[in-house]
Amino acid sequence: VQLVESGGGLVQPGGSLRLSCSASGFTFSNYVMSWYRQAPGKERELVAGINSVGGNTPYADSVKGRFTISRDNAKMTVFLQMNSLKPEDTAVYYCNARSYVMVYWGKGTLVTVSS
């Protein structure tokens, strides 16, 4: 099983990034996919999730209206479109796959929002 995040990097405030998480080794379409993030010195928090048919779990209040989660079951990939980025969005972003019995994590991708 692998979850591989990509798309992180350094961006100026107000900019955009699109994160991708490519999955392999499990039946992707059966899993709820989520993005979490962990800022320095803080606990990991849920950013957004999406179920197998594209329905979303609530977004974190801090990202509502700015971030959009989506998935492509055929490509076994989940995305996080991040717009209007703020310095407080700086964190390591992790991909998560969850079923009734299993949970998988990626290793994370760093997003730094700074001028």
Protein backbone atom coordinates (compact mmCIF):
# COMPACT_ATOMS: atom_id res chain seq x y z
CA VAL A 1 0.00 0.00 0.00
CA GLN A 2 1.27 3.44 -0.91
CA LEU A 3 -0.03 6.97 -0.65
CA VAL A 4 2.30 9.46 -2.29
CA GLU A 5 1.64 13.16 -1.93
CA SER A 6 2.99 15.75 -4.33
CA GLY A 7 2.51 19.39 -5.24
CA GLY A 8 3.77 21.08 -2.11
CA GLY A 9 6.24 23.91 -2.10
CA LEU A 10 6.81 27.58 -1.36
CA VAL A 11 4.08 30.02 -2.38
CA GLN A 12 3.39 33.66 -1.62
CA PRO A 13 0.35 34.71 0.39
CA GLY A 14 -2.69 34.84 -1.86
CA GLY A 15 -1.29 32.22 -4.18
CA SER A 16 -2.55 28.75 -5.08
CA LEU A 17 -1.29 25.19 -4.99
CA ARG A 18 -2.80 21.90 -6.01
CA LEU A 19 -1.83 18.86 -3.98
CA SER A 20 -2.15 15.35 -5.35
CA CYS A 21 -2.14 12.01 -3.59
CA SER A 22 -1.56 8.96 -5.73
CA ALA A 23 -2.71 5.66 -4.23
CA SER A 24 -1.80 2.07 -4.92
CA GLY A 25 -2.16 -1.34 -3.37
CA PHE A 26 -5.77 -1.16 -2.20
CA THR A 27 -9.26 -0.72 -3.61
CA PHE A 28 -9.23 3.06 -3.78
CA SER A 29 -12.91 3.48 -4.58
CA ASN A 30 -13.90 1.77 -1.31
CA TYR A 31 -12.08 4.28 0.86
CA VAL A 32 -12.87 7.68 2.26
CA MET A 33 -9.95 9.91 1.30
CA SER A 34 -8.93 12.87 3.40
CA TRP A 35 -6.30 15.55 3.71
CA TYR A 36 -4.84 16.40 7.10
CA ARG A 37 -2.21 18.94 8.00
CA GLN A 38 0.19 19.51 10.83
CA ALA A 39 1.78 22.86 11.47
CA PRO A 40 4.96 23.19 13.56
CA GLY A 41 4.18 22.74 17.24
CA LYS A 42 0.54 21.90 16.59
CA GLU A 43 -1.55 18.76 16.43
CA ARG A 44 -2.54 17.17 13.15
CA GLU A 45 -5.93 18.41 12.00
CA LEU A 46 -8.45 17.31 9.39
CA VAL A 47 -8.63 19.68 6.42
CA ALA A 48 -11.25 17.94 4.26
CA GLY A 49 -12.50 14.50 3.28
CA ILE A 50 -14.36 12.94 0.39
CA ASN A 51 -16.23 9.66 0.24
CA SER A 52 -16.21 7.13 -2.53
CA VAL A 53 -18.99 8.78 -4.50
CA GLY A 54 -17.65 12.30 -4.18
CA GLY A 55 -19.58 13.51 -1.19
CA ASN A 56 -17.59 15.75 1.11
CA THR A 57 -17.18 15.74 4.81
CA PRO A 58 -17.18 19.23 6.28
CA TYR A 59 -14.11 21.30 5.64
CA ALA A 60 -12.13 22.78 8.50
CA ASP A 61 -13.54 26.23 9.23
CA SER A 62 -10.16 27.78 8.53
CA VAL A 63 -10.17 26.60 4.90
CA LYS A 64 -13.85 26.87 3.91
CA GLY A 65 -14.32 28.71 0.66
CA ARG A 66 -10.61 28.50 -0.18
CA PHE A 67 -9.82 24.78 -0.44
CA THR A 68 -11.56 22.14 -2.56
CA ILE A 69 -11.10 18.39 -2.30
CA SER A 70 -11.80 16.10 -5.23
CA ARG A 71 -10.99 12.58 -6.37
CA ASP A 72 -10.53 10.56 -9.53
CA ASN A 73 -11.29 6.92 -8.80
CA ALA A 74 -10.07 5.77 -12.20
CA LYS A 75 -6.66 7.34 -11.57
CA MET A 76 -6.69 6.45 -7.86
CA THR A 77 -5.84 10.01 -6.98
CA VAL A 78 -7.21 12.59 -4.59
CA PHE A 79 -6.58 16.31 -4.97
CA LEU A 80 -6.62 19.37 -2.78
CA GLN A 81 -6.95 22.67 -4.59
CA MET A 82 -5.78 25.43 -2.28
CA ASN A 83 -6.51 29.04 -3.18
CA SER A 84 -5.98 32.34 -1.38
CA LEU A 85 -3.27 30.76 0.73
CA LYS A 86 -2.32 32.36 4.01
CA PRO A 87 0.83 32.06 6.12
CA GLU A 88 -1.19 30.10 8.66
CA ASP A 89 -1.74 27.41 6.03
CA THR A 90 1.93 26.52 6.33
CA ALA A 91 2.11 22.87 7.34
CA VAL A 92 2.93 19.37 6.25
CA TYR A 93 -0.10 18.05 4.40
CA TYR A 94 -0.88 14.35 4.71
CA CYS A 95 -3.08 12.10 2.61
CA ASN A 96 -5.26 9.61 4.51
CA ALA A 97 -7.26 6.62 3.32
CA ARG A 98 -9.87 5.12 5.61
CA SER A 99 -12.26 2.20 5.46
CA TYR A 100 -14.21 0.46 8.21
CA VAL A 101 -11.18 -1.65 9.08
CA MET A 102 -8.06 0.01 7.68
CA VAL A 103 -6.32 3.36 7.79
CA TYR A 104 -3.36 4.38 5.64
CA TRP A 105 -1.22 7.51 5.70
CA GLY A 106 1.14 9.11 3.26
CA LYS A 107 4.44 10.63 4.29
CA GLY A 108 3.32 14.18 3.67
CA THR A 109 4.25 17.15 1.53
CA LEU A 110 5.38 20.49 2.91
CA VAL A 111 3.48 23.65 2.04
CA THR A 112 5.10 26.94 3.01
CA VAL A 113 3.22 30.18 2.54
CA SER A 114 5.57 33.11 2.88
CA SER A 115 6.60 36.29 1.13
